[in-house]
Structure formats: structure tokens, C-alpha cells
Amino acid sequence: MTTLIAQREVFRGKITHLTVDTVDLPNGHRADLEILHHPGGAAIVAIDDRNRVCLLHQFRHAAGGYVWELPAGKLEPDEPPELTAQRELIEEAGVAASTWRSLGISLSSPGVFTERIHLYLATNLTATPDAREAAEVFEVHWIDFKTAVQRVLSGEIDDSKTGMGLLRAWHVHGEKP
């Protein structure tokens, strides 16, 4: 466990803020750490009755182009992660699920980033109107679950929350590829 000695805010944006934290580490060393604070998010492995998984081919400026991702989104203030997952699945994939299972948490980059992504498996899907935001640029694809897992293992899917979500869902829902 670390002991926070001092914290200085360097930047505050609409979603994130950056601090420099002076901490005493478990080994007794004192360090100044740059920490990017994020409210967290939820990502969904949605599997339909044909054993296909929903993946978004989404434009990400920071990644320099399009990335394969699970439907996902930021936690709103005081919103439980499962409600975020339910909302984002409808908004982005145009489906609702009647069965939900937690797949645990993914830490994006725990050395510098506080974001925790709650992963969920969603099944028993029904179609709903989607409600994507204007700033989101993506296509919805339904891909054979085994093929999606193979794309993680080959490196074609390199988004960490998507890879972890698909592999954990495969462990509890599907057979080994």
C-alpha cells in the first residue's frame, strides 16, 4: 500500500484529470507519480443466439485509425457499472440483453491510469433502436465468437479490454479455440 503525501493537479478536462502524486511506496521509497484519473467504464461481450459476438470497428484518433472493440462506455456519476453496460449495449449495438454475467475488471494501464473497466457477458439479446453519439464513428459487426477469439490470439484485435473480455467470456461461455 502507498501513502499519499501530497497531490498537485496539473490538468482538468471534461472526462479526465492529471495529478502529480507524491507517495511513499511499500518499499519505503518516496516518488512523484503522474496519475491520469478517469471515472471508469464498462465493456460488453454480447453473444447472440447464433454464437456471434458484437464488435465495433471504431475510429480512434489516439490510436491513429480504426480499432476493433467491444461496445463500451464511460461510467456516469453515481451510475452502477452494470447500468452503464446495459445503456451502452443499447446505444452502440442496438440490442438489449436479459442475461448478464460479470467478467471482472480490466485495468487499462495501472502504472499511470486509474481507469477500471468492468467487463460483462450479455446473452439472450433482443433488437432495440441504437442511439449512438455524434462524436462516435463506428460500424457494428457480428462475428463468429470463435473467430473473434482467434483474432485476439493472432494480434488482429489489439484493444486490451476487448481481448480480455473475449478471452474471459470464452472461458465461461465457449469451448477453447
C-alpha atoms as a PDB file:
ATOM      1  CA  MET A   1       0.000   0.000   0.000  1.00  0.00           C
ATOM      2  CA  THR A   2       1.213   3.512  -0.705  1.00  0.00           C
ATOM      3  CA  THR A   3       0.872   6.573   1.479  1.00  0.00           C
ATOM      4  CA  LEU A   4      -0.166   9.756  -0.301  1.00  0.00           C
ATOM      5  CA  ILE A   5       1.963  12.644   0.951  1.00  0.00           C
ATOM      6  CA  ALA A   6       0.836  15.378  -1.485  1.00  0.00           C
ATOM      7  CA  GLN A   7      -1.198  15.764  -4.660  1.00  0.00           C
ATOM      8  CA  ARG A   8      -0.957  18.581  -7.198  1.00  0.00           C
ATOM      9  CA  GLU A   9      -3.470  18.910 -10.027  1.00  0.00           C
ATOM     10  CA  VAL A  10      -1.831  19.647 -13.369  1.00  0.00           C
ATOM     11  CA  PHE A  11      -4.827  19.461 -15.726  1.00  0.00           C
ATOM     12  CA  ARG A  12      -8.605  19.057 -15.515  1.00  0.00           C
ATOM     13  CA  GLY A  13     -10.662  18.143 -18.577  1.00  0.00           C
ATOM     14  CA  LYS A  14     -14.269  17.087 -19.220  1.00  0.00           C
ATOM     15  CA  ILE A  15     -13.535  13.411 -18.548  1.00  0.00           C
ATOM     16  CA  THR A  16     -10.055  13.087 -17.056  1.00  0.00           C
ATOM     17  CA  HIS A  17      -7.731  14.990 -14.789  1.00  0.00           C
ATOM     18  CA  LEU A  18      -3.986  14.676 -14.247  1.00  0.00           C
ATOM     19  CA  THR A  19      -2.228  14.925 -10.896  1.00  0.00           C
ATOM     20  CA  VAL A  20       1.310  14.557  -9.671  1.00  0.00           C
ATOM     21  CA  ASP A  21       1.128  12.467  -6.507  1.00  0.00           C
ATOM     22  CA  THR A  22       3.985  12.357  -4.031  1.00  0.00           C
ATOM     23  CA  VAL A  23       3.773   8.942  -2.377  1.00  0.00           C
ATOM     24  CA  ASP A  24       5.693   6.692  -0.069  1.00  0.00           C
ATOM     25  CA  LEU A  25       5.869   3.292  -1.785  1.00  0.00           C
ATOM     26  CA  PRO A  26       5.650  -0.054   0.057  1.00  0.00           C
ATOM     27  CA  ASN A  27       9.456  -0.374  -0.135  1.00  0.00           C
ATOM     28  CA  GLY A  28       9.909   2.986   1.676  1.00  0.00           C
ATOM     29  CA  HIS A  29      10.952   4.963  -1.415  1.00  0.00           C
ATOM     30  CA  ARG A  30       9.275   8.350  -1.950  1.00  0.00           C
ATOM     31  CA  ALA A  31       8.263   9.053  -5.564  1.00  0.00           C
ATOM     32  CA  ASP A  32       6.436  11.649  -7.632  1.00  0.00           C
ATOM     33  CA  LEU A  33       3.943   9.816  -9.864  1.00  0.00           C
ATOM     34  CA  GLU A  34       1.920  11.287 -12.725  1.00  0.00           C
ATOM     35  CA  ILE A  35      -1.587   9.859 -12.417  1.00  0.00           C
ATOM     36  CA  LEU A  36      -4.334  10.264 -15.017  1.00  0.00           C
ATOM     37  CA  HIS A  37      -7.711   9.958 -13.252  1.00  0.00           C
ATOM     38  CA  HIS A  38     -10.685   8.532 -15.188  1.00  0.00           C
ATOM     39  CA  PRO A  39     -14.190   7.653 -13.913  1.00  0.00           C
ATOM     40  CA  GLY A  40     -14.011   4.131 -15.338  1.00  0.00           C
ATOM     41  CA  GLY A  41     -16.155   2.302 -17.809  1.00  0.00           C
ATOM     42  CA  ALA A  42     -17.962  -0.859 -18.792  1.00  0.00           C
ATOM     43  CA  ALA A  43     -17.460  -3.127 -21.803  1.00  0.00           C
ATOM     44  CA  ILE A  44     -19.802  -5.815 -23.040  1.00  0.00           C
ATOM     45  CA  VAL A  45     -19.241  -9.189 -24.711  1.00  0.00           C
ATOM     46  CA  ALA A  46     -22.675  -9.556 -26.320  1.00  0.00           C
ATOM     47  CA  ILE A  47     -23.267 -13.013 -27.792  1.00  0.00           C
ATOM     48  CA  ASP A  48     -26.358 -13.721 -29.884  1.00  0.00           C
ATOM     49  CA  ASP A  49     -28.249 -16.998 -30.337  1.00  0.00           C
ATOM     50  CA  ARG A  50     -26.061 -17.832 -33.383  1.00  0.00           C
ATOM     51  CA  ASN A  51     -22.900 -17.633 -31.205  1.00  0.00           C
ATOM     52  CA  ARG A  52     -21.782 -14.379 -32.788  1.00  0.00           C
ATOM     53  CA  VAL A  53     -20.213 -11.577 -30.783  1.00  0.00           C
ATOM     54  CA  CYS A  54     -20.799  -7.876 -31.347  1.00  0.00           C
ATOM     55  CA  LEU A  55     -17.650  -5.946 -32.254  1.00  0.00           C
ATOM     56  CA  LEU A  56     -17.391  -2.312 -33.245  1.00  0.00           C
ATOM     57  CA  HIS A  57     -14.893  -1.210 -35.876  1.00  0.00           C
ATOM     58  CA  GLN A  58     -14.411   2.205 -34.331  1.00  0.00           C
ATOM     59  CA  PHE A  59     -12.308   5.216 -35.321  1.00  0.00           C
ATOM     60  CA  ARG A  60      -9.959   6.222 -32.522  1.00  0.00           C
ATOM     61  CA  HIS A  61      -7.902   9.364 -33.114  1.00  0.00           C
ATOM     62  CA  ALA A  62      -5.439   8.486 -30.319  1.00  0.00           C
ATOM     63  CA  ALA A  63      -4.803   5.072 -31.925  1.00  0.00           C
ATOM     64  CA  GLY A  64      -4.310   6.576 -35.387  1.00  0.00           C
ATOM     65  CA  GLY A  65      -7.248   4.887 -37.081  1.00  0.00           C
ATOM     66  CA  TYR A  66      -9.843   2.164 -36.696  1.00  0.00           C
ATOM     67  CA  VAL A  67      -9.760  -0.332 -33.815  1.00  0.00           C
ATOM     68  CA  TRP A  68     -11.837  -3.466 -33.169  1.00  0.00           C
ATOM     69  CA  GLU A  69     -13.620  -3.007 -29.836  1.00  0.00           C
ATOM     70  CA  LEU A  70     -16.424  -4.328 -27.704  1.00  0.00           C
ATOM     71  CA  PRO A  71     -19.363  -1.996 -27.117  1.00  0.00           C
ATOM     72  CA  ALA A  72     -18.247   0.082 -24.150  1.00  0.00           C
ATOM     73  CA  GLY A  73     -18.611   3.417 -22.448  1.00  0.00           C
ATOM     74  CA  LYS A  74     -17.752   5.676 -19.566  1.00  0.00           C
ATOM     75  CA  LEU A  75     -19.430   5.390 -16.179  1.00  0.00           C
ATOM     76  CA  GLU A  76     -21.666   8.366 -15.482  1.00  0.00           C
ATOM     77  CA  PRO A  77     -21.528   9.890 -11.969  1.00  0.00           C
ATOM     78  CA  ASP A  78     -23.216   7.574  -9.435  1.00  0.00           C
ATOM     79  CA  GLU A  79     -24.147   5.071 -12.186  1.00  0.00           C
ATOM     80  CA  PRO A  80     -23.511   1.421 -11.278  1.00  0.00           C
ATOM     81  CA  PRO A  81     -21.269  -0.331 -13.845  1.00  0.00           C
ATOM     82  CA  GLU A  82     -23.964  -2.847 -14.843  1.00  0.00           C
ATOM     83  CA  LEU A  83     -26.334   0.012 -15.754  1.00  0.00           C
ATOM     84  CA  THR A  84     -23.565   1.603 -17.821  1.00  0.00           C
ATOM     85  CA  ALA A  85     -23.128  -1.715 -19.634  1.00  0.00           C
ATOM     86  CA  GLN A  86     -26.867  -2.061 -20.285  1.00  0.00           C
ATOM     87  CA  ARG A  87     -27.096   1.525 -21.574  1.00  0.00           C
ATOM     88  CA  GLU A  88     -24.023   1.276 -23.793  1.00  0.00           C
ATOM     89  CA  LEU A  89     -25.120  -2.032 -25.340  1.00  0.00           C
ATOM     90  CA  ILE A  90     -28.393  -0.448 -26.441  1.00  0.00           C
ATOM     91  CA  GLU A  91     -26.781   2.810 -27.579  1.00  0.00           C
ATOM     92  CA  GLU A  92     -23.959   1.256 -29.577  1.00  0.00           C
ATOM     93  CA  ALA A  93     -25.097  -2.203 -30.654  1.00  0.00           C
ATOM     94  CA  GLY A  94     -28.846  -1.714 -30.863  1.00  0.00           C
ATOM     95  CA  VAL A  95     -29.573  -4.721 -28.648  1.00  0.00           C
ATOM     96  CA  ALA A  96     -30.679  -5.316 -25.069  1.00  0.00           C
ATOM     97  CA  ALA A  97     -29.811  -8.402 -23.037  1.00  0.00           C
ATOM     98  CA  SER A  98     -31.883 -10.246 -20.456  1.00  0.00           C
ATOM     99  CA  THR A  99     -28.954 -12.246 -19.042  1.00  0.00           C
ATOM    100  CA  TRP A 100     -25.856 -10.565 -17.604  1.00  0.00           C
ATOM    101  CA  ARG A 101     -22.711 -12.016 -16.028  1.00  0.00           C
ATOM    102  CA  SER A 102     -19.747 -10.126 -14.633  1.00  0.00           C
ATOM    103  CA  LEU A 103     -16.383 -10.998 -16.167  1.00  0.00           C
ATOM    104  CA  GLY A 104     -14.386  -8.944 -13.673  1.00  0.00           C
ATOM    105  CA  ILE A 105     -12.334  -5.798 -14.156  1.00  0.00           C
ATOM    106  CA  SER A 106      -9.676  -4.769 -16.647  1.00  0.00           C
ATOM    107  CA  LEU A 107      -7.018  -2.218 -15.720  1.00  0.00           C
ATOM    108  CA  SER A 108      -6.018  -0.211 -18.787  1.00  0.00           C
ATOM    109  CA  SER A 109      -2.553   0.965 -17.756  1.00  0.00           C
ATOM    110  CA  PRO A 110      -2.254   0.704 -13.970  1.00  0.00           C
ATOM    111  CA  GLY A 111       1.112   2.446 -13.760  1.00  0.00           C
ATOM    112  CA  VAL A 112      -0.382   5.817 -14.721  1.00  0.00           C
ATOM    113  CA  PHE A 113      -4.140   5.474 -15.271  1.00  0.00           C
ATOM    114  CA  THR A 114      -6.905   4.961 -12.641  1.00  0.00           C
ATOM    115  CA  GLU A 115      -9.477   3.694 -15.165  1.00  0.00           C
ATOM    116  CA  ARG A 116     -11.157   0.398 -14.237  1.00  0.00           C
ATOM    117  CA  ILE A 117     -13.235  -1.217 -16.962  1.00  0.00           C
ATOM    118  CA  HIS A 118     -15.992  -3.536 -15.748  1.00  0.00           C
ATOM    119  CA  LEU A 119     -16.418  -6.435 -18.178  1.00  0.00           C
ATOM    120  CA  TYR A 120     -19.749  -8.175 -18.759  1.00  0.00           C
ATOM    121  CA  LEU A 121     -21.098 -11.098 -20.743  1.00  0.00           C
ATOM    122  CA  ALA A 122     -24.541 -10.345 -22.180  1.00  0.00           C
ATOM    123  CA  THR A 123     -26.780 -13.037 -23.702  1.00  0.00           C
ATOM    124  CA  ASN A 124     -30.429 -13.554 -24.603  1.00  0.00           C
ATOM    125  CA  LEU A 125     -30.416 -10.491 -26.830  1.00  0.00           C
ATOM    126  CA  THR A 126     -33.319  -8.585 -28.396  1.00  0.00           C
ATOM    127  CA  ALA A 127     -33.100  -5.844 -31.009  1.00  0.00           C
ATOM    128  CA  THR A 128     -33.642  -2.215 -29.974  1.00  0.00           C
ATOM    129  CA  PRO A 129     -33.066   1.105 -31.735  1.00  0.00           C
ATOM    130  CA  ASP A 130     -29.473   2.270 -31.289  1.00  0.00           C
ATOM    131  CA  ALA A 131     -28.625   5.771 -30.093  1.00  0.00           C
ATOM    132  CA  ARG A 132     -25.009   6.439 -30.988  1.00  0.00           C
ATOM    133  CA  GLU A 133     -23.494   9.805 -30.190  1.00  0.00           C
ATOM    134  CA  ALA A 134     -22.471  12.223 -32.964  1.00  0.00           C
ATOM    135  CA  ALA A 135     -18.805  12.035 -31.925  1.00  0.00           C
ATOM    136  CA  GLU A 136     -18.743   8.236 -32.322  1.00  0.00           C
ATOM    137  CA  VAL A 137     -17.623   6.840 -35.667  1.00  0.00           C
ATOM    138  CA  PHE A 138     -18.035   3.077 -35.909  1.00  0.00           C
ATOM    139  CA  GLU A 139     -19.610   0.144 -37.741  1.00  0.00           C
ATOM    140  CA  VAL A 140     -21.334  -2.692 -35.881  1.00  0.00           C
ATOM    141  CA  HIS A 141     -20.210  -6.208 -36.843  1.00  0.00           C
ATOM    142  CA  TRP A 142     -21.499  -9.573 -35.604  1.00  0.00           C
ATOM    143  CA  ILE A 143     -18.612 -12.020 -35.838  1.00  0.00           C
ATOM    144  CA  ASP A 144     -18.440 -15.731 -35.051  1.00  0.00           C
ATOM    145  CA  PHE A 145     -17.310 -15.941 -31.408  1.00  0.00           C
ATOM    146  CA  LYS A 146     -14.513 -18.445 -32.102  1.00  0.00           C
ATOM    147  CA  THR A 147     -13.227 -16.277 -34.968  1.00  0.00           C
ATOM    148  CA  ALA A 148     -13.176 -13.209 -32.696  1.00  0.00           C
ATOM    149  CA  VAL A 149     -11.151 -15.082 -30.059  1.00  0.00           C
ATOM    150  CA  GLN A 150      -8.719 -16.260 -32.754  1.00  0.00           C
ATOM    151  CA  ARG A 151      -8.333 -12.614 -33.859  1.00  0.00           C
ATOM    152  CA  VAL A 152      -7.313 -11.720 -30.294  1.00  0.00           C
ATOM    153  CA  LEU A 153      -4.762 -14.534 -30.193  1.00  0.00           C
ATOM    154  CA  SER A 154      -3.315 -13.572 -33.600  1.00  0.00           C
ATOM    155  CA  GLY A 155      -2.984  -9.905 -32.642  1.00  0.00           C
ATOM    156  CA  GLU A 156      -5.542  -8.629 -35.146  1.00  0.00           C
ATOM    157  CA  ILE A 157      -7.624  -7.414 -32.193  1.00  0.00           C
ATOM    158  CA  ASP A 158      -5.243  -5.433 -30.008  1.00  0.00           C
ATOM    159  CA  ASP A 159      -7.555  -3.401 -27.766  1.00  0.00           C
ATOM    160  CA  SER A 160      -6.857  -4.658 -24.242  1.00  0.00           C
ATOM    161  CA  LYS A 161     -10.415  -4.529 -22.828  1.00  0.00           C
ATOM    162  CA  THR A 162     -11.700  -6.315 -25.923  1.00  0.00           C
ATOM    163  CA  GLY A 163      -9.051  -9.013 -25.769  1.00  0.00           C
ATOM    164  CA  MET A 164      -9.516  -9.601 -22.060  1.00  0.00           C
ATOM    165  CA  GLY A 165     -13.314  -9.534 -22.332  1.00  0.00           C
ATOM    166  CA  LEU A 166     -13.396 -12.001 -25.224  1.00  0.00           C
ATOM    167  CA  LEU A 167     -10.954 -14.416 -23.566  1.00  0.00           C
ATOM    168  CA  ARG A 168     -12.785 -14.344 -20.236  1.00  0.00           C
ATOM    169  CA  ALA A 169     -16.131 -14.840 -21.992  1.00  0.00           C
ATOM    170  CA  TRP A 170     -14.648 -17.741 -23.949  1.00  0.00           C
ATOM    171  CA  HIS A 171     -13.553 -19.315 -20.695  1.00  0.00           C
ATOM    172  CA  VAL A 172     -17.081 -19.195 -19.197  1.00  0.00           C
ATOM    173  CA  HIS A 173     -19.243 -19.408 -22.331  1.00  0.00           C
ATOM    174  CA  GLY A 174     -17.477 -21.218 -25.134  1.00  0.00           C
ATOM    175  CA  GLU A 175     -15.150 -24.035 -25.968  1.00  0.00           C
ATOM    176  CA  LYS A 176     -11.412 -23.488 -26.423  1.00  0.00           C
ATOM    177  CA  PRO A 177     -10.418 -22.336 -29.945  1.00  0.00           C
END
